[in-house]
Amino acid sequence: MTHNDADTGRDTGAGTGLDTGVDTGVDTGVDTGRDEAAWEPPEDVQHIGAPEQYAALAHPLRQRLLFALTQRTATVSQLAVLLDAKKGNLAHHLKVLSDAGLIGIAGTRTVRGGTERYYGRTARKLLVAEPQAIGTAALFSAFAQEIDRSPADHLLRLRHLRLTPAAARELGETLARLVDEAEQAPEGEPVHGVLVSLYTAHDPDRDTP
């Protein structure tokens, strides 16, 4: 089971900019009059199960867009700067996420030459009950890109342990609780990414009948 958290708060609220032609049908018509739109995702948890949702999560840039929209809304222009990506490319990926129901229009603002749209996640957390290999690969690829662009030292640990089922369950619950209950710092403090995973490693000796 995979979680995409937007603790606003992956395993994925937010807004983005120039009118890209992405129409989710949930345009609120909110004129924020500022660069960042206030936004609260309408749902706390969104369950992922539809084919178009799995497909939307199967690209690292779309994963990074969901990462970026965890703490705020943003425009296409803002996302292009944040992710160092071209606006035209982002517009395509935003449409895929929008069509899958993973993001929506959080607000709009009239500017010279048109209307800016702010995009936001539709849920604070994505719950993927049956993760697919291609989506997991995209998640880790996006995670690697985020680490590569990090301006500070990062923590990365991989350890293999022999655990009883009860001990593994307790460790998983403890890790999840640490992440879920971590207290957010005030606005303006750096955003940190936290990726937690606990899995049963393949063991040919035990798996062979």
N, C-alpha and C. Protein backbone atom coordinates (compact mmCIF):
# COMPACT_ATOMS: atom_id res chain seq x y z
N MET A 1 0.85 -1.19 0.00
CA MET A 1 0.00 0.00 0.00
C MET A 1 0.88 1.23 0.00
N THR A 2 0.59 2.18 -0.88
CA THR A 2 1.42 3.37 -1.02
C THR A 2 0.62 4.61 -0.68
N HIS A 3 1.23 5.50 0.09
CA HIS A 3 0.62 6.79 0.38
C HIS A 3 1.42 7.87 -0.33
N ASN A 4 0.73 8.85 -0.90
CA ASN A 4 1.38 10.04 -1.44
C ASN A 4 0.75 11.21 -0.71
N ASP A 5 1.49 11.81 0.18
CA ASP A 5 0.90 12.76 1.10
C ASP A 5 1.09 14.20 0.67
N ALA A 6 0.03 14.96 0.82
CA ALA A 6 0.10 16.40 0.72
C ALA A 6 -0.32 16.90 2.06
N ASP A 7 0.62 17.17 2.90
CA ASP A 7 0.24 17.58 4.25
C ASP A 7 0.21 19.09 4.29
N THR A 8 -0.85 19.60 3.77
CA THR A 8 -1.05 21.04 3.67
C THR A 8 -2.10 21.66 4.46
N GLY A 9 -0.63 19.09 3.58
CA GLY A 9 0.40 18.38 3.41
C GLY A 9 0.62 17.74 2.23
N ARG A 10 2.49 11.63 -2.53
CA ARG A 10 3.03 10.73 -2.61
C ARG A 10 2.64 9.87 -2.69
N ASP A 11 1.95 9.11 -1.39
CA ASP A 11 3.05 8.59 -1.09
C ASP A 11 3.15 9.48 -1.21
N THR A 12 -0.35 12.78 -3.08
CA THR A 12 0.27 13.63 -3.28
C THR A 12 -0.24 14.76 -3.01
N GLY A 13 -2.19 20.96 -0.98
CA GLY A 13 -2.77 21.64 -2.06
C GLY A 13 -1.91 22.51 -2.82
N ALA A 14 -2.40 23.23 -3.84
CA ALA A 14 -1.45 23.84 -4.74
C ALA A 14 -2.09 24.69 -5.79
N GLY A 15 -1.44 25.39 -6.67
CA GLY A 15 -2.01 26.20 -7.72
C GLY A 15 -1.01 26.45 -8.79
N THR A 16 -1.41 26.76 -10.02
CA THR A 16 -0.47 27.16 -11.05
C THR A 16 -1.10 28.08 -12.04
N GLY A 17 -0.36 28.62 -12.87
CA GLY A 17 -0.47 29.87 -13.48
C GLY A 17 -1.14 30.17 -14.75
N LEU A 18 -0.36 30.36 -15.80
CA LEU A 18 -0.90 30.86 -17.03
C LEU A 18 -1.96 29.90 -17.54
N ASP A 19 -2.92 30.46 -18.26
CA ASP A 19 -4.00 29.63 -18.76
C ASP A 19 -3.43 28.62 -19.74
N THR A 20 -3.48 27.35 -19.39
CA THR A 20 -2.92 26.32 -20.24
C THR A 20 -3.98 25.60 -21.04
N GLY A 21 -5.21 25.96 -20.85
CA GLY A 21 -6.28 25.25 -21.52
C GLY A 21 -6.72 24.01 -20.76
N VAL A 22 -6.14 23.78 -19.59
CA VAL A 22 -6.55 22.65 -18.77
C VAL A 22 -7.85 23.01 -18.07
N ASP A 23 -8.90 22.30 -18.41
CA ASP A 23 -10.20 22.62 -17.83
C ASP A 23 -10.72 21.40 -17.08
N THR A 24 -10.71 21.47 -15.78
CA THR A 24 -11.16 20.32 -14.98
C THR A 24 -12.64 20.37 -14.69
N GLY A 25 -13.26 21.48 -15.00
CA GLY A 25 -14.67 21.59 -14.69
C GLY A 25 -14.94 21.98 -13.25
N VAL A 26 -13.86 22.34 -12.51
CA VAL A 26 -14.06 22.76 -11.13
C VAL A 26 -13.49 24.15 -10.92
N ASP A 27 -13.54 24.97 -11.96
CA ASP A 27 -13.05 26.33 -11.85
C ASP A 27 -13.90 27.08 -10.83
N THR A 28 -13.24 27.53 -9.77
CA THR A 28 -13.99 28.17 -8.70
C THR A 28 -14.28 29.63 -8.98
N GLY A 29 -13.54 30.21 -9.95
CA GLY A 29 -13.73 31.61 -10.23
C GLY A 29 -13.17 32.51 -9.15
N VAL A 30 -12.35 31.97 -8.27
CA VAL A 30 -11.78 32.75 -7.18
C VAL A 30 -10.71 33.67 -7.72
N ASP A 31 -10.85 34.96 -7.53
CA ASP A 31 -9.83 35.90 -7.94
C ASP A 31 -8.97 36.20 -6.71
N THR A 32 -7.80 35.57 -6.65
CA THR A 32 -6.98 35.70 -5.45
C THR A 32 -6.25 37.02 -5.39
N GLY A 33 -5.90 37.56 -6.56
CA GLY A 33 -5.20 38.83 -6.56
C GLY A 33 -3.80 38.75 -6.00
N ARG A 34 -3.21 37.55 -5.91
CA ARG A 34 -1.88 37.40 -5.38
C ARG A 34 -1.21 36.21 -6.03
N ASP A 35 0.07 36.04 -5.78
CA ASP A 35 0.83 35.01 -6.45
C ASP A 35 0.55 33.62 -5.92
N GLU A 36 0.14 33.48 -4.69
CA GLU A 36 -0.19 32.18 -4.14
C GLU A 36 -1.62 32.19 -3.63
N ALA A 37 -2.39 31.20 -4.12
CA ALA A 37 -3.79 31.15 -3.74
C ALA A 37 -3.98 30.28 -2.51
N ALA A 38 -4.78 30.79 -1.57
CA ALA A 38 -5.12 29.97 -0.41
C ALA A 38 -5.94 28.78 -0.89
N TRP A 39 -5.66 27.60 -0.35
CA TRP A 39 -6.30 26.41 -0.89
C TRP A 39 -6.31 25.31 0.13
N GLU A 40 -7.45 24.72 0.30
CA GLU A 40 -7.60 23.54 1.13
C GLU A 40 -8.18 22.44 0.26
N PRO A 41 -7.46 21.33 0.07
CA PRO A 41 -8.00 20.24 -0.74
C PRO A 41 -9.36 19.81 -0.22
N PRO A 42 -10.31 19.55 -1.12
CA PRO A 42 -11.66 19.17 -0.68
C PRO A 42 -11.73 17.82 0.01
N GLU A 43 -10.75 16.94 -0.25
CA GLU A 43 -10.74 15.62 0.35
C GLU A 43 -9.47 15.42 1.16
N ASP A 44 -9.56 14.61 2.20
CA ASP A 44 -8.37 14.28 2.98
C ASP A 44 -7.59 13.15 2.33
N VAL A 45 -8.31 12.09 1.93
CA VAL A 45 -7.68 10.93 1.30
C VAL A 45 -8.41 10.60 0.01
N GLN A 46 -7.64 10.36 -1.03
CA GLN A 46 -8.20 9.95 -2.31
C GLN A 46 -7.67 8.55 -2.63
N HIS A 47 -8.56 7.61 -2.88
CA HIS A 47 -8.18 6.24 -3.18
C HIS A 47 -7.92 6.10 -4.68
N ILE A 48 -6.76 5.56 -5.01
CA ILE A 48 -6.36 5.41 -6.40
C ILE A 48 -6.71 4.01 -6.88
N GLY A 49 -7.50 3.92 -7.96
CA GLY A 49 -7.88 2.62 -8.47
C GLY A 49 -8.20 2.62 -9.95
N ALA A 50 -8.53 3.78 -10.51
CA ALA A 50 -8.90 3.86 -11.92
C ALA A 50 -7.67 3.79 -12.81
N PRO A 51 -7.78 3.18 -13.99
CA PRO A 51 -6.63 3.07 -14.91
C PRO A 51 -5.99 4.41 -15.23
N GLU A 52 -6.82 5.45 -15.44
CA GLU A 52 -6.24 6.76 -15.77
C GLU A 52 -5.47 7.36 -14.60
N GLN A 53 -5.82 6.98 -13.38
CA GLN A 53 -5.08 7.46 -12.21
C GLN A 53 -3.72 6.77 -12.12
N TYR A 54 -3.71 5.46 -12.35
CA TYR A 54 -2.42 4.75 -12.36
C TYR A 54 -1.53 5.30 -13.46
N ALA A 55 -2.12 5.58 -14.63
CA ALA A 55 -1.34 6.11 -15.75
C ALA A 55 -0.78 7.49 -15.41
N ALA A 56 -1.58 8.30 -14.72
CA ALA A 56 -1.14 9.64 -14.37
C ALA A 56 0.04 9.62 -13.40
N LEU A 57 0.08 8.61 -12.54
CA LEU A 57 1.16 8.51 -11.55
C LEU A 57 2.41 7.85 -12.12
N ALA A 58 2.35 7.41 -13.38
CA ALA A 58 3.44 6.64 -13.96
C ALA A 58 4.47 7.50 -14.69
N HIS A 59 4.62 8.75 -14.27
CA HIS A 59 5.63 9.62 -14.88
C HIS A 59 6.27 10.46 -13.79
N PRO A 60 7.60 10.51 -13.75
CA PRO A 60 8.27 11.23 -12.65
C PRO A 60 7.94 12.72 -12.59
N LEU A 61 7.73 13.37 -13.75
CA LEU A 61 7.42 14.80 -13.70
C LEU A 61 6.04 15.03 -13.10
N ARG A 62 5.11 14.13 -13.36
CA ARG A 62 3.78 14.29 -12.75
C ARG A 62 3.85 14.03 -11.26
N GLN A 63 4.70 13.11 -10.84
CA GLN A 63 4.93 12.92 -9.41
C GLN A 63 5.50 14.18 -8.79
N ARG A 64 6.45 14.81 -9.46
CA ARG A 64 7.06 16.03 -8.93
C ARG A 64 6.05 17.19 -8.89
N LEU A 65 5.14 17.22 -9.85
CA LEU A 65 4.08 18.23 -9.80
C LEU A 65 3.21 18.04 -8.57
N LEU A 66 2.89 16.80 -8.26
CA LEU A 66 2.10 16.54 -7.06
C LEU A 66 2.90 16.91 -5.81
N PHE A 67 4.22 16.62 -5.82
CA PHE A 67 5.07 17.05 -4.70
C PHE A 67 4.95 18.56 -4.52
N ALA A 68 5.11 19.28 -5.65
CA ALA A 68 5.15 20.75 -5.61
C ALA A 68 3.84 21.34 -5.12
N LEU A 69 2.75 20.63 -5.36
CA LEU A 69 1.44 21.15 -4.99
C LEU A 69 0.98 20.66 -3.62
N THR A 70 1.92 20.16 -2.82
CA THR A 70 1.53 19.70 -1.49
C THR A 70 1.43 20.84 -0.49
N GLN A 71 2.17 21.91 -0.69
CA GLN A 71 2.23 22.98 0.30
C GLN A 71 1.51 24.25 -0.12
N ARG A 72 1.15 24.34 -1.39
CA ARG A 72 0.54 25.59 -1.87
C ARG A 72 -0.08 25.36 -3.24
N THR A 73 -0.82 26.33 -3.70
CA THR A 73 -1.25 26.35 -5.08
C THR A 73 -0.17 27.03 -5.91
N ALA A 74 -0.22 26.85 -7.22
CA ALA A 74 0.80 27.46 -8.06
C ALA A 74 0.30 27.60 -9.49
N THR A 75 0.91 28.50 -10.23
CA THR A 75 0.60 28.70 -11.64
C THR A 75 1.60 27.91 -12.47
N VAL A 76 1.31 27.80 -13.76
CA VAL A 76 2.24 27.12 -14.66
C VAL A 76 3.60 27.81 -14.62
N SER A 77 3.58 29.14 -14.63
CA SER A 77 4.84 29.88 -14.60
C SER A 77 5.61 29.60 -13.32
N GLN A 78 4.94 29.56 -12.20
CA GLN A 78 5.60 29.27 -10.92
C GLN A 78 6.15 27.86 -10.90
N LEU A 79 5.38 26.91 -11.42
CA LEU A 79 5.84 25.53 -11.45
C LEU A 79 7.03 25.35 -12.39
N ALA A 80 7.03 26.09 -13.49
CA ALA A 80 8.14 26.00 -14.44
C ALA A 80 9.44 26.42 -13.77
N VAL A 81 9.38 27.48 -12.97
CA VAL A 81 10.58 27.94 -12.26
C VAL A 81 10.97 26.93 -11.18
N LEU A 82 9.99 26.47 -10.43
CA LEU A 82 10.25 25.57 -9.31
C LEU A 82 10.85 24.25 -9.77
N LEU A 83 10.34 23.72 -10.88
CA LEU A 83 10.75 22.40 -11.34
C LEU A 83 11.77 22.46 -12.48
N ASP A 84 12.12 23.67 -12.90
CA ASP A 84 13.07 23.85 -14.00
C ASP A 84 12.59 23.08 -15.23
N ALA A 85 11.35 23.35 -15.61
CA ALA A 85 10.73 22.65 -16.73
C ALA A 85 10.05 23.67 -17.66
N LYS A 86 9.80 23.26 -18.89
CA LYS A 86 9.15 24.14 -19.86
C LYS A 86 7.64 24.17 -19.62
N LYS A 87 7.07 25.36 -19.78
CA LYS A 87 5.65 25.53 -19.50
C LYS A 87 4.77 24.66 -20.41
N GLY A 88 5.15 24.54 -21.67
CA GLY A 88 4.36 23.72 -22.58
C GLY A 88 4.33 22.26 -22.15
N ASN A 89 5.47 21.76 -21.68
CA ASN A 89 5.55 20.39 -21.20
C ASN A 89 4.71 20.22 -19.94
N LEU A 90 4.79 21.20 -19.04
CA LEU A 90 4.02 21.13 -17.80
C LEU A 90 2.52 21.16 -18.09
N ALA A 91 2.12 21.95 -19.09
CA ALA A 91 0.69 22.05 -19.42
C ALA A 91 0.13 20.67 -19.78
N HIS A 92 0.90 19.91 -20.54
CA HIS A 92 0.45 18.56 -20.91
C HIS A 92 0.29 17.67 -19.68
N HIS A 93 1.28 17.69 -18.80
CA HIS A 93 1.23 16.82 -17.62
C HIS A 93 0.16 17.27 -16.64
N LEU A 94 -0.07 18.56 -16.53
CA LEU A 94 -1.15 19.06 -15.68
C LEU A 94 -2.51 18.57 -16.20
N LYS A 95 -2.65 18.54 -17.51
CA LYS A 95 -3.91 18.06 -18.09
C LYS A 95 -4.13 16.58 -17.77
N VAL A 96 -3.04 15.79 -17.83
CA VAL A 96 -3.17 14.37 -17.50
C VAL A 96 -3.61 14.20 -16.05
N LEU A 97 -2.98 14.96 -15.15
CA LEU A 97 -3.35 14.89 -13.73
C LEU A 97 -4.78 15.37 -13.51
N SER A 98 -5.15 16.42 -14.24
CA SER A 98 -6.51 16.95 -14.12
C SER A 98 -7.54 15.96 -14.62
N ASP A 99 -7.28 15.34 -15.78
CA ASP A 99 -8.21 14.36 -16.34
C ASP A 99 -8.37 13.15 -15.41
N ALA A 100 -7.32 12.86 -14.63
CA ALA A 100 -7.38 11.74 -13.69
C ALA A 100 -8.01 12.14 -12.37
N GLY A 101 -8.37 13.41 -12.24
CA GLY A 101 -9.01 13.87 -11.01
C GLY A 101 -8.08 14.06 -9.84
N LEU A 102 -6.76 14.19 -10.11
CA LEU A 102 -5.79 14.34 -9.03
C LEU A 102 -5.50 15.79 -8.69
N ILE A 103 -5.80 16.70 -9.60
CA ILE A 103 -5.66 18.13 -9.34
C ILE A 103 -6.89 18.85 -9.90
N GLY A 104 -7.11 20.08 -9.47
CA GLY A 104 -8.21 20.87 -9.96
C GLY A 104 -7.82 22.34 -9.95
N ILE A 105 -8.73 23.18 -10.41
CA ILE A 105 -8.51 24.62 -10.42
C ILE A 105 -8.83 25.16 -9.03
N ALA A 106 -7.81 25.72 -8.38
CA ALA A 106 -8.00 26.24 -7.03
C ALA A 106 -8.42 27.70 -7.03
N GLY A 107 -8.22 28.38 -8.15
CA GLY A 107 -8.57 29.79 -8.23
C GLY A 107 -8.04 30.38 -9.52
N THR A 108 -8.45 31.59 -9.83
CA THR A 108 -7.99 32.27 -11.03
C THR A 108 -7.65 33.71 -10.70
N ARG A 109 -6.86 34.31 -11.59
CA ARG A 109 -6.53 35.72 -11.43
C ARG A 109 -6.40 36.35 -12.80
N THR A 110 -7.06 37.48 -12.99
CA THR A 110 -6.98 38.20 -14.25
C THR A 110 -5.69 38.99 -14.31
N VAL A 111 -4.93 38.77 -15.37
CA VAL A 111 -3.67 39.48 -15.58
C VAL A 111 -3.68 40.05 -16.98
N ARG A 112 -2.69 40.89 -17.26
CA ARG A 112 -2.61 41.47 -18.59
C ARG A 112 -2.46 40.35 -19.63
N GLY A 113 -3.37 40.31 -20.57
CA GLY A 113 -3.27 39.33 -21.64
C GLY A 113 -4.02 38.04 -21.38
N GLY A 114 -4.67 37.90 -20.24
CA GLY A 114 -5.42 36.66 -20.03
C GLY A 114 -5.71 36.37 -18.58
N THR A 115 -5.92 35.11 -18.30
CA THR A 115 -6.28 34.65 -16.96
C THR A 115 -5.30 33.59 -16.50
N GLU A 116 -4.78 33.76 -15.31
CA GLU A 116 -3.92 32.76 -14.70
C GLU A 116 -4.79 31.78 -13.91
N ARG A 117 -4.44 30.53 -14.01
CA ARG A 117 -5.14 29.51 -13.23
C ARG A 117 -4.20 28.96 -12.16
N TYR A 118 -4.72 28.82 -10.98
CA TYR A 118 -3.98 28.21 -9.88
C TYR A 118 -4.49 26.78 -9.71
N TYR A 119 -3.56 25.84 -9.70
CA TYR A 119 -3.93 24.44 -9.58
C TYR A 119 -3.68 23.93 -8.17
N GLY A 120 -4.55 23.06 -7.71
CA GLY A 120 -4.41 22.49 -6.39
C GLY A 120 -4.75 21.02 -6.41
N ARG A 121 -4.17 20.29 -5.50
CA ARG A 121 -4.48 18.87 -5.38
C ARG A 121 -5.91 18.69 -4.89
N THR A 122 -6.53 17.62 -5.30
CA THR A 122 -7.90 17.36 -4.89
C THR A 122 -7.98 16.63 -3.56
N ALA A 123 -6.84 16.16 -3.05
CA ALA A 123 -6.82 15.49 -1.76
C ALA A 123 -5.45 15.69 -1.11
N ARG A 124 -5.45 15.69 0.20
CA ARG A 124 -4.19 15.81 0.92
C ARG A 124 -3.31 14.58 0.73
N LYS A 125 -3.94 13.41 0.65
CA LYS A 125 -3.19 12.16 0.54
C LYS A 125 -3.77 11.30 -0.57
N LEU A 126 -2.89 10.61 -1.27
CA LEU A 126 -3.30 9.61 -2.23
C LEU A 126 -3.01 8.23 -1.63
N LEU A 127 -3.98 7.37 -1.65
CA LEU A 127 -3.82 6.03 -1.11
C LEU A 127 -3.89 5.04 -2.26
N VAL A 128 -2.74 4.43 -2.55
CA VAL A 128 -2.65 3.48 -3.65
C VAL A 128 -2.65 2.08 -3.04
N ALA A 129 -3.78 1.41 -3.10
CA ALA A 129 -3.93 0.12 -2.43
C ALA A 129 -3.16 -0.98 -3.16
N GLU A 130 -3.06 -0.87 -4.48
CA GLU A 130 -2.36 -1.87 -5.28
C GLU A 130 -1.33 -1.18 -6.17
N PRO A 131 -0.16 -0.81 -5.59
CA PRO A 131 0.87 -0.11 -6.36
C PRO A 131 1.32 -0.92 -7.57
N GLN A 132 1.57 -0.24 -8.68
CA GLN A 132 2.07 -0.87 -9.87
C GLN A 132 3.54 -0.52 -10.05
N ALA A 133 4.30 -1.43 -10.65
CA ALA A 133 5.74 -1.25 -10.76
C ALA A 133 6.10 0.04 -11.47
N ILE A 134 5.37 0.39 -12.54
CA ILE A 134 5.71 1.58 -13.30
C ILE A 134 5.48 2.85 -12.48
N GLY A 135 4.44 2.84 -11.64
CA GLY A 135 4.18 3.99 -10.78
C GLY A 135 5.21 4.11 -9.68
N THR A 136 5.61 2.98 -9.10
CA THR A 136 6.63 3.00 -8.07
C THR A 136 7.96 3.48 -8.64
N ALA A 137 8.28 3.04 -9.85
CA ALA A 137 9.52 3.47 -10.50
C ALA A 137 9.49 4.98 -10.75
N ALA A 138 8.33 5.51 -11.17
CA ALA A 138 8.21 6.95 -11.40
C ALA A 138 8.37 7.72 -10.10
N LEU A 139 7.81 7.18 -9.01
CA LEU A 139 7.93 7.83 -7.71
C LEU A 139 9.40 7.93 -7.30
N PHE A 140 10.14 6.82 -7.41
CA PHE A 140 11.53 6.83 -6.99
C PHE A 140 12.39 7.69 -7.92
N SER A 141 12.04 7.73 -9.20
CA SER A 141 12.75 8.60 -10.13
C SER A 141 12.54 10.07 -9.76
N ALA A 142 11.28 10.41 -9.43
CA ALA A 142 11.00 11.79 -9.00
C ALA A 142 11.72 12.11 -7.71
N PHE A 143 11.75 11.15 -6.78
CA PHE A 143 12.46 11.32 -5.52
C PHE A 143 13.94 11.57 -5.76
N ALA A 144 14.55 10.81 -6.69
CA ALA A 144 15.97 10.98 -7.01
C ALA A 144 16.24 12.36 -7.60
N GLN A 145 15.33 12.84 -8.44
CA GLN A 145 15.50 14.17 -9.03
C GLN A 145 15.39 15.25 -7.97
N GLU A 146 14.47 15.05 -7.02
CA GLU A 146 14.32 16.03 -5.94
C GLU A 146 15.59 16.08 -5.09
N ILE A 147 16.15 14.92 -4.77
CA ILE A 147 17.38 14.88 -3.98
C ILE A 147 18.52 15.55 -4.72
N ASP A 148 18.61 15.29 -6.03
CA ASP A 148 19.69 15.85 -6.83
C ASP A 148 19.64 17.37 -6.84
N ARG A 149 18.44 17.95 -6.72
CA ARG A 149 18.30 19.41 -6.74
C ARG A 149 18.28 20.03 -5.34
N SER A 150 18.42 19.19 -4.33
CA SER A 150 18.38 19.69 -2.95
C SER A 150 19.61 20.56 -2.67
N PRO A 151 19.42 21.74 -2.06
CA PRO A 151 20.55 22.62 -1.77
C PRO A 151 21.30 22.24 -0.51
N ALA A 152 20.82 21.26 0.23
CA ALA A 152 21.44 20.89 1.50
C ALA A 152 21.72 19.39 1.53
N ASP A 153 22.55 18.97 2.49
CA ASP A 153 22.82 17.54 2.66
C ASP A 153 21.51 16.81 2.97
N HIS A 154 21.45 15.56 2.55
CA HIS A 154 20.24 14.79 2.76
C HIS A 154 20.55 13.49 3.48
N LEU A 155 19.52 12.90 4.02
CA LEU A 155 19.63 11.63 4.72
C LEU A 155 19.05 10.53 3.84
N LEU A 156 19.83 9.48 3.62
CA LEU A 156 19.35 8.36 2.81
C LEU A 156 19.92 7.08 3.41
N ARG A 157 19.05 6.22 3.88
CA ARG A 157 19.47 4.98 4.53
C ARG A 157 18.70 3.80 3.95
N LEU A 158 19.42 2.70 3.70
CA LEU A 158 18.79 1.45 3.32
C LEU A 158 19.40 0.35 4.17
N ARG A 159 18.57 -0.38 4.87
CA ARG A 159 19.05 -1.46 5.72
C ARG A 159 18.13 -2.66 5.60
N HIS A 160 18.71 -3.83 5.57
CA HIS A 160 17.92 -5.06 5.54
C HIS A 160 17.98 -5.72 6.91
N LEU A 161 16.81 -6.01 7.46
CA LEU A 161 16.70 -6.57 8.80
C LEU A 161 15.87 -7.85 8.76
N ARG A 162 16.21 -8.78 9.62
CA ARG A 162 15.35 -9.94 9.83
C ARG A 162 14.38 -9.58 10.95
N LEU A 163 13.08 -9.60 10.63
CA LEU A 163 12.05 -9.21 11.59
C LEU A 163 10.93 -10.25 11.61
N THR A 164 10.37 -10.43 12.76
CA THR A 164 9.15 -11.24 12.84
C THR A 164 8.02 -10.42 12.24
N PRO A 165 6.94 -11.06 11.80
CA PRO A 165 5.80 -10.30 11.27
C PRO A 165 5.29 -9.24 12.25
N ALA A 166 5.27 -9.58 13.54
CA ALA A 166 4.80 -8.62 14.53
C ALA A 166 5.75 -7.43 14.63
N ALA A 167 7.06 -7.70 14.63
CA ALA A 167 8.05 -6.63 14.73
C ALA A 167 8.00 -5.74 13.48
N ALA A 168 7.81 -6.36 12.31
CA ALA A 168 7.72 -5.59 11.06
C ALA A 168 6.50 -4.68 11.08
N ARG A 169 5.39 -5.22 11.56
CA ARG A 169 4.16 -4.43 11.64
C ARG A 169 4.34 -3.26 12.60
N GLU A 170 4.98 -3.50 13.74
CA GLU A 170 5.20 -2.44 14.72
C GLU A 170 6.14 -1.37 14.17
N LEU A 171 7.20 -1.79 13.47
CA LEU A 171 8.13 -0.83 12.88
C LEU A 171 7.42 0.03 11.84
N GLY A 172 6.61 -0.61 10.99
CA GLY A 172 5.88 0.14 9.98
C GLY A 172 4.94 1.17 10.58
N GLU A 173 4.23 0.77 11.64
CA GLU A 173 3.31 1.69 12.30
C GLU A 173 4.06 2.84 12.95
N THR A 174 5.24 2.55 13.51
CA THR A 174 6.03 3.60 14.15
C THR A 174 6.55 4.59 13.13
N LEU A 175 7.05 4.10 11.99
CA LEU A 175 7.55 5.00 10.95
C LEU A 175 6.43 5.88 10.40
N ALA A 176 5.28 5.25 10.14
CA ALA A 176 4.15 6.01 9.61
C ALA A 176 3.70 7.08 10.60
N ARG A 177 3.69 6.73 11.90
CA ARG A 177 3.26 7.68 12.92
C ARG A 177 4.24 8.86 13.01
N LEU A 178 5.55 8.58 12.92
CA LEU A 178 6.55 9.65 12.98
C LEU A 178 6.34 10.65 11.85
N VAL A 179 6.06 10.13 10.66
CA VAL A 179 5.87 11.02 9.51
C VAL A 179 4.55 11.78 9.63
N ASP A 180 3.48 11.05 9.95
CA ASP A 180 2.15 11.67 9.98
C ASP A 180 2.03 12.72 11.08
N GLU A 181 2.75 12.50 12.20
CA GLU A 181 2.59 13.39 13.35
C GLU A 181 3.67 14.46 13.43
N ALA A 182 4.59 14.48 12.46
CA ALA A 182 5.62 15.53 12.46
C ALA A 182 4.95 16.90 12.34
N GLU A 183 5.36 17.82 13.17
CA GLU A 183 4.71 19.13 13.22
C GLU A 183 5.25 20.06 12.15
N GLN A 184 4.35 20.71 11.44
CA GLN A 184 4.74 21.67 10.41
C GLN A 184 5.30 22.94 11.03
N ALA A 185 6.39 23.45 10.45
CA ALA A 185 6.95 24.74 10.87
C ALA A 185 6.13 25.87 10.26
N PRO A 186 6.31 27.08 10.75
CA PRO A 186 5.55 28.21 10.20
C PRO A 186 5.89 28.46 8.72
N GLU A 187 5.01 29.14 8.04
CA GLU A 187 5.21 29.51 6.64
C GLU A 187 6.54 30.24 6.48
N GLY A 188 7.25 29.91 5.43
CA GLY A 188 8.54 30.56 5.17
C GLY A 188 9.73 29.67 5.49
N GLU A 189 9.51 28.63 6.28
CA GLU A 189 10.60 27.69 6.58
C GLU A 189 10.76 26.71 5.42
N PRO A 190 11.96 26.12 5.27
CA PRO A 190 12.19 25.22 4.14
C PRO A 190 11.26 24.00 4.17
N VAL A 191 10.88 23.55 2.99
CA VAL A 191 10.08 22.35 2.84
C VAL A 191 11.02 21.16 2.70
N HIS A 192 10.77 20.10 3.43
CA HIS A 192 11.58 18.90 3.38
C HIS A 192 10.75 17.73 2.84
N GLY A 193 11.38 16.89 2.07
CA GLY A 193 10.72 15.68 1.58
C GLY A 193 11.05 14.50 2.47
N VAL A 194 10.05 13.69 2.76
CA VAL A 194 10.25 12.49 3.58
C VAL A 194 9.64 11.31 2.84
N LEU A 195 10.45 10.33 2.52
CA LEU A 195 9.97 9.12 1.86
C LEU A 195 10.27 7.94 2.75
N VAL A 196 9.25 7.21 3.15
CA VAL A 196 9.41 6.07 4.05
C VAL A 196 8.89 4.81 3.38
N SER A 197 9.64 3.74 3.47
CA SER A 197 9.22 2.48 2.87
C SER A 197 9.65 1.32 3.75
N LEU A 198 8.78 0.35 3.89
CA LEU A 198 9.10 -0.90 4.57
C LEU A 198 8.50 -2.03 3.74
N TYR A 199 9.33 -2.95 3.32
CA TYR A 199 8.86 -4.01 2.44
C TYR A 199 9.54 -5.33 2.81
N THR A 200 8.93 -6.41 2.40
CA THR A 200 9.51 -7.73 2.61
C THR A 200 10.39 -8.07 1.41
N ALA A 201 11.66 -8.26 1.65
CA ALA A 201 12.59 -8.54 0.56
C ALA A 201 12.36 -9.94 -0.01
N HIS A 202 12.61 -10.07 -1.30
CA HIS A 202 12.48 -11.38 -1.95
C HIS A 202 13.55 -12.33 -1.43
N ASP A 203 13.14 -13.50 -1.02
CA ASP A 203 14.06 -14.51 -0.50
C ASP A 203 13.79 -15.81 -1.24
N PRO A 204 14.62 -16.17 -2.22
CA PRO A 204 14.37 -17.39 -3.02
C PRO A 204 14.26 -18.65 -2.16
N ASP A 205 15.05 -18.72 -1.10
CA ASP A 205 15.03 -19.92 -0.25
C ASP A 205 13.68 -20.10 0.45
N ARG A 206 13.06 -18.97 0.81
CA ARG A 206 11.77 -19.06 1.53
C ARG A 206 10.60 -19.11 0.55
N ASP A 207 10.77 -18.48 -0.63
CA ASP A 207 9.66 -18.39 -1.58
C ASP A 207 9.50 -19.64 -2.43
N THR A 208 10.57 -20.47 -2.51
CA THR A 208 10.49 -21.68 -3.33
C THR A 208 9.76 -22.77 -2.57
N PRO A 209 8.73 -23.36 -3.18
CA PRO A 209 7.98 -24.41 -2.46
C PRO A 209 8.81 -25.67 -2.29
